[in-house]
Amino acid sequence: QVQLVESGGGSVQTGGSLRLSCVTSGYTPTFNTMAWFRQAPGKEREGVAAVSGLYGGGVTAFYADSVKGRFTISRDGAKNAVDLQMNSLKPEDTATYYCAAEPRLIFGLGTLSGAKYNTWGQGTQVTVSA
């Protein structure tokens, strides 16, 4: 069974940084699209960033407007892993962050739609204090 395991969450003050990591375990097809989503209490799940491209080729990154210029997503195709570097964190970034992956190539707005992904991690908590 494929599993995605997130790590790197924690508590920081406004303006701080965190780096989230997502690794796969078990039988793992090549995930050509990997993404990060987040969900704050009482809010809907939100797509944060995604990266899509065939293993060994170029990749394209997609970001939600709310994180552009602050977050950077990177993928290690050989390891089927994806990281999210989060800088200049704000209290509104507080949420549980989830890794998602899909063997299919997804581009455009679909990369930030949770409905496009069938494999999810359990989540890691990020808390940003004012």
C-alpha atoms as a PDB file:
ATOM      1  CA  GLN A   1       0.000   0.000   0.000  1.00  0.00           C
ATOM      2  CA  VAL A   2       1.351   3.379  -0.973  1.00  0.00           C
ATOM      3  CA  GLN A   3       1.870   5.795   1.856  1.00  0.00           C
ATOM      4  CA  LEU A   4       2.875   9.426   1.936  1.00  0.00           C
ATOM      5  CA  VAL A   5       4.565  10.577   5.122  1.00  0.00           C
ATOM      6  CA  GLU A   6       4.907  14.272   5.916  1.00  0.00           C
ATOM      7  CA  SER A   7       7.362  15.823   8.348  1.00  0.00           C
ATOM      8  CA  GLY A   8       8.778  19.208   9.232  1.00  0.00           C
ATOM      9  CA  GLY A   9       5.773  20.915  10.734  1.00  0.00           C
ATOM     10  CA  GLY A  10       6.053  22.955  13.898  1.00  0.00           C
ATOM     11  CA  SER A  11       5.489  26.296  15.529  1.00  0.00           C
ATOM     12  CA  VAL A  12       7.186  29.511  14.435  1.00  0.00           C
ATOM     13  CA  GLN A  13       6.681  33.215  14.817  1.00  0.00           C
ATOM     14  CA  THR A  14       5.547  35.530  12.057  1.00  0.00           C
ATOM     15  CA  GLY A  15       8.295  35.932   9.496  1.00  0.00           C
ATOM     16  CA  GLY A  16       9.857  32.593  10.308  1.00  0.00           C
ATOM     17  CA  SER A  17      10.524  29.644   8.018  1.00  0.00           C
ATOM     18  CA  LEU A  18       9.760  25.945   7.925  1.00  0.00           C
ATOM     19  CA  ARG A  19      10.541  23.203   5.456  1.00  0.00           C
ATOM     20  CA  LEU A  20       8.049  20.407   4.986  1.00  0.00           C
ATOM     21  CA  SER A  21       9.033  17.075   3.510  1.00  0.00           C
ATOM     22  CA  CYS A  22       6.955  14.287   2.051  1.00  0.00           C
ATOM     23  CA  VAL A  23       8.366  10.864   1.330  1.00  0.00           C
ATOM     24  CA  THR A  24       6.738   7.743   0.001  1.00  0.00           C
ATOM     25  CA  SER A  25       6.788   4.228   1.362  1.00  0.00           C
ATOM     26  CA  GLY A  26       5.445   0.922   0.191  1.00  0.00           C
ATOM     27  CA  TYR A  27       4.849   0.154  -3.451  1.00  0.00           C
ATOM     28  CA  THR A  28       5.232   3.446  -5.208  1.00  0.00           C
ATOM     29  CA  PRO A  29       4.398   4.164  -8.799  1.00  0.00           C
ATOM     30  CA  THR A  30       6.184   7.182 -10.204  1.00  0.00           C
ATOM     31  CA  PHE A  31       4.295  10.218  -9.047  1.00  0.00           C
ATOM     32  CA  ASN A  32       4.497  12.705 -11.877  1.00  0.00           C
ATOM     33  CA  THR A  33       2.442  15.266  -9.989  1.00  0.00           C
ATOM     34  CA  MET A  34       2.942  16.014  -6.310  1.00  0.00           C
ATOM     35  CA  ALA A  35       1.360  18.758  -4.301  1.00  0.00           C
ATOM     36  CA  TRP A  36       0.810  20.336  -0.924  1.00  0.00           C
ATOM     37  CA  PHE A  37      -2.588  21.250   0.436  1.00  0.00           C
ATOM     38  CA  ARG A  38      -3.589  22.785   3.733  1.00  0.00           C
ATOM     39  CA  GLN A  39      -6.686  22.992   5.860  1.00  0.00           C
ATOM     40  CA  ALA A  40      -7.263  25.364   8.722  1.00  0.00           C
ATOM     41  CA  PRO A  41      -9.945  24.715  11.360  1.00  0.00           C
ATOM     42  CA  GLY A  42     -13.367  25.617  10.013  1.00  0.00           C
ATOM     43  CA  LYS A  43     -12.061  26.224   6.508  1.00  0.00           C
ATOM     44  CA  GLU A  44     -12.049  24.242   3.304  1.00  0.00           C
ATOM     45  CA  ARG A  45      -8.969  22.454   2.090  1.00  0.00           C
ATOM     46  CA  GLU A  46      -6.795  24.729  -0.038  1.00  0.00           C
ATOM     47  CA  GLY A  47      -4.232  23.865  -2.675  1.00  0.00           C
ATOM     48  CA  VAL A  48      -0.932  25.523  -1.812  1.00  0.00           C
ATOM     49  CA  ALA A  49       1.624  24.369  -4.368  1.00  0.00           C
ATOM     50  CA  ALA A  50       2.143  21.602  -6.888  1.00  0.00           C
ATOM     51  CA  VAL A  51       4.861  20.363  -9.170  1.00  0.00           C
ATOM     52  CA  SER A  52       4.225  18.381 -12.315  1.00  0.00           C
ATOM     53  CA  GLY A  53       6.439  16.752 -14.918  1.00  0.00           C
ATOM     54  CA  LEU A  54       7.670  13.410 -16.139  1.00  0.00           C
ATOM     55  CA  TYR A  55      10.457  11.814 -14.123  1.00  0.00           C
ATOM     56  CA  GLY A  56      13.782  12.752 -15.688  1.00  0.00           C
ATOM     57  CA  GLY A  57      12.371  15.740 -17.515  1.00  0.00           C
ATOM     58  CA  GLY A  58      11.562  19.312 -16.657  1.00  0.00           C
ATOM     59  CA  VAL A  59       8.923  20.158 -14.098  1.00  0.00           C
ATOM     60  CA  THR A  60       6.468  22.993 -13.754  1.00  0.00           C
ATOM     61  CA  ALA A  61       5.486  24.467 -10.413  1.00  0.00           C
ATOM     62  CA  PHE A  62       2.136  25.978  -9.556  1.00  0.00           C
ATOM     63  CA  TYR A  63       1.324  28.141  -6.549  1.00  0.00           C
ATOM     64  CA  ALA A  64      -1.722  29.585  -4.885  1.00  0.00           C
ATOM     65  CA  ASP A  65      -1.709  33.377  -5.029  1.00  0.00           C
ATOM     66  CA  SER A  66      -1.594  33.528  -1.248  1.00  0.00           C
ATOM     67  CA  VAL A  67       1.855  31.889  -1.126  1.00  0.00           C
ATOM     68  CA  LYS A  68       3.545  33.076  -4.303  1.00  0.00           C
ATOM     69  CA  GLY A  69       6.951  34.549  -3.591  1.00  0.00           C
ATOM     70  CA  ARG A  70       7.068  33.000  -0.122  1.00  0.00           C
ATOM     71  CA  PHE A  71       6.784  29.238  -0.669  1.00  0.00           C
ATOM     72  CA  THR A  72       8.874  27.044  -2.953  1.00  0.00           C
ATOM     73  CA  ILE A  73       8.007  23.500  -3.913  1.00  0.00           C
ATOM     74  CA  SER A  74      10.668  21.074  -5.070  1.00  0.00           C
ATOM     75  CA  ARG A  75      10.519  17.448  -6.112  1.00  0.00           C
ATOM     76  CA  ASP A  76      13.079  14.665  -5.989  1.00  0.00           C
ATOM     77  CA  GLY A  77      11.873  12.403  -8.772  1.00  0.00           C
ATOM     78  CA  ALA A  78      14.318   9.632  -7.954  1.00  0.00           C
ATOM     79  CA  LYS A  79      12.989   9.417  -4.410  1.00  0.00           C
ATOM     80  CA  ASN A  80       9.353  10.176  -5.232  1.00  0.00           C
ATOM     81  CA  ALA A  81       9.550  12.910  -2.635  1.00  0.00           C
ATOM     82  CA  VAL A  82       8.501  16.529  -2.468  1.00  0.00           C
ATOM     83  CA  ASP A  83       9.467  19.407  -0.180  1.00  0.00           C
ATOM     84  CA  LEU A  84       7.836  22.722   0.576  1.00  0.00           C
ATOM     85  CA  GLN A  85      10.070  25.556   1.730  1.00  0.00           C
ATOM     86  CA  MET A  86       7.956  28.137   3.515  1.00  0.00           C
ATOM     87  CA  ASN A  87       9.428  31.563   4.197  1.00  0.00           C
ATOM     88  CA  SER A  88       7.973  34.780   5.578  1.00  0.00           C
ATOM     89  CA  LEU A  89       5.282  32.808   7.337  1.00  0.00           C
ATOM     90  CA  LYS A  90       2.128  34.571   8.459  1.00  0.00           C
ATOM     91  CA  PRO A  91      -0.500  33.626  11.054  1.00  0.00           C
ATOM     92  CA  GLU A  92      -2.917  32.901   8.212  1.00  0.00           C
ATOM     93  CA  ASP A  93      -0.587  30.110   7.083  1.00  0.00           C
ATOM     94  CA  THR A  94      -1.526  28.184  10.216  1.00  0.00           C
ATOM     95  CA  ALA A  95      -3.079  24.887   9.136  1.00  0.00           C
ATOM     96  CA  THR A  96      -2.566  21.186   8.789  1.00  0.00           C
ATOM     97  CA  TYR A  97      -0.518  20.616   5.657  1.00  0.00           C
ATOM     98  CA  TYR A  98      -1.079  17.535   3.521  1.00  0.00           C
ATOM     99  CA  CYS A  99       1.007  15.993   0.806  1.00  0.00           C
ATOM    100  CA  ALA A 100      -0.800  14.555  -2.207  1.00  0.00           C
ATOM    101  CA  ALA A 101       0.458  12.649  -5.204  1.00  0.00           C
ATOM    102  CA  GLU A 102      -0.782  11.364  -8.511  1.00  0.00           C
ATOM    103  CA  PRO A 103       0.919   9.286 -11.200  1.00  0.00           C
ATOM    104  CA  ARG A 104      -0.860  11.283 -13.913  1.00  0.00           C
ATOM    105  CA  LEU A 105       0.463  14.544 -15.230  1.00  0.00           C
ATOM    106  CA  ILE A 106      -1.770  17.361 -14.114  1.00  0.00           C
ATOM    107  CA  PHE A 107      -1.301  20.917 -15.271  1.00  0.00           C
ATOM    108  CA  GLY A 108      -2.901  24.255 -14.800  1.00  0.00           C
ATOM    109  CA  LEU A 109      -5.611  24.936 -12.278  1.00  0.00           C
ATOM    110  CA  GLY A 110      -6.169  21.215 -11.774  1.00  0.00           C
ATOM    111  CA  THR A 111      -2.905  20.884  -9.923  1.00  0.00           C
ATOM    112  CA  LEU A 112      -4.379  22.719  -6.949  1.00  0.00           C
ATOM    113  CA  SER A 113      -7.649  20.813  -6.915  1.00  0.00           C
ATOM    114  CA  GLY A 114      -7.809  18.114  -4.286  1.00  0.00           C
ATOM    115  CA  ALA A 115     -10.242  16.117  -6.381  1.00  0.00           C
ATOM    116  CA  LYS A 116      -7.436  15.349  -8.828  1.00  0.00           C
ATOM    117  CA  TYR A 117      -5.392  13.364  -6.281  1.00  0.00           C
ATOM    118  CA  ASN A 118      -5.920   9.839  -5.041  1.00  0.00           C
ATOM    119  CA  THR A 119      -2.994   9.431  -2.649  1.00  0.00           C
ATOM    120  CA  TRP A 120      -2.712  11.545   0.493  1.00  0.00           C
ATOM    121  CA  GLY A 121      -0.580  11.787   3.579  1.00  0.00           C
ATOM    122  CA  GLN A 122      -1.801  12.105   7.160  1.00  0.00           C
ATOM    123  CA  GLY A 123      -0.798  15.737   7.530  1.00  0.00           C
ATOM    124  CA  THR A 124       1.610  17.805   9.584  1.00  0.00           C
ATOM    125  CA  GLN A 125       0.658  20.803  11.690  1.00  0.00           C
ATOM    126  CA  VAL A 126       2.071  24.254  11.035  1.00  0.00           C
ATOM    127  CA  THR A 127       1.359  27.001  13.556  1.00  0.00           C
ATOM    128  CA  VAL A 128       2.456  30.587  13.039  1.00  0.00           C
ATOM    129  CA  SER A 129       2.091  32.951  15.973  1.00  0.00           C
ATOM    130  CA  ALA A 130       1.812  36.708  15.721  1.00  0.00           C
END
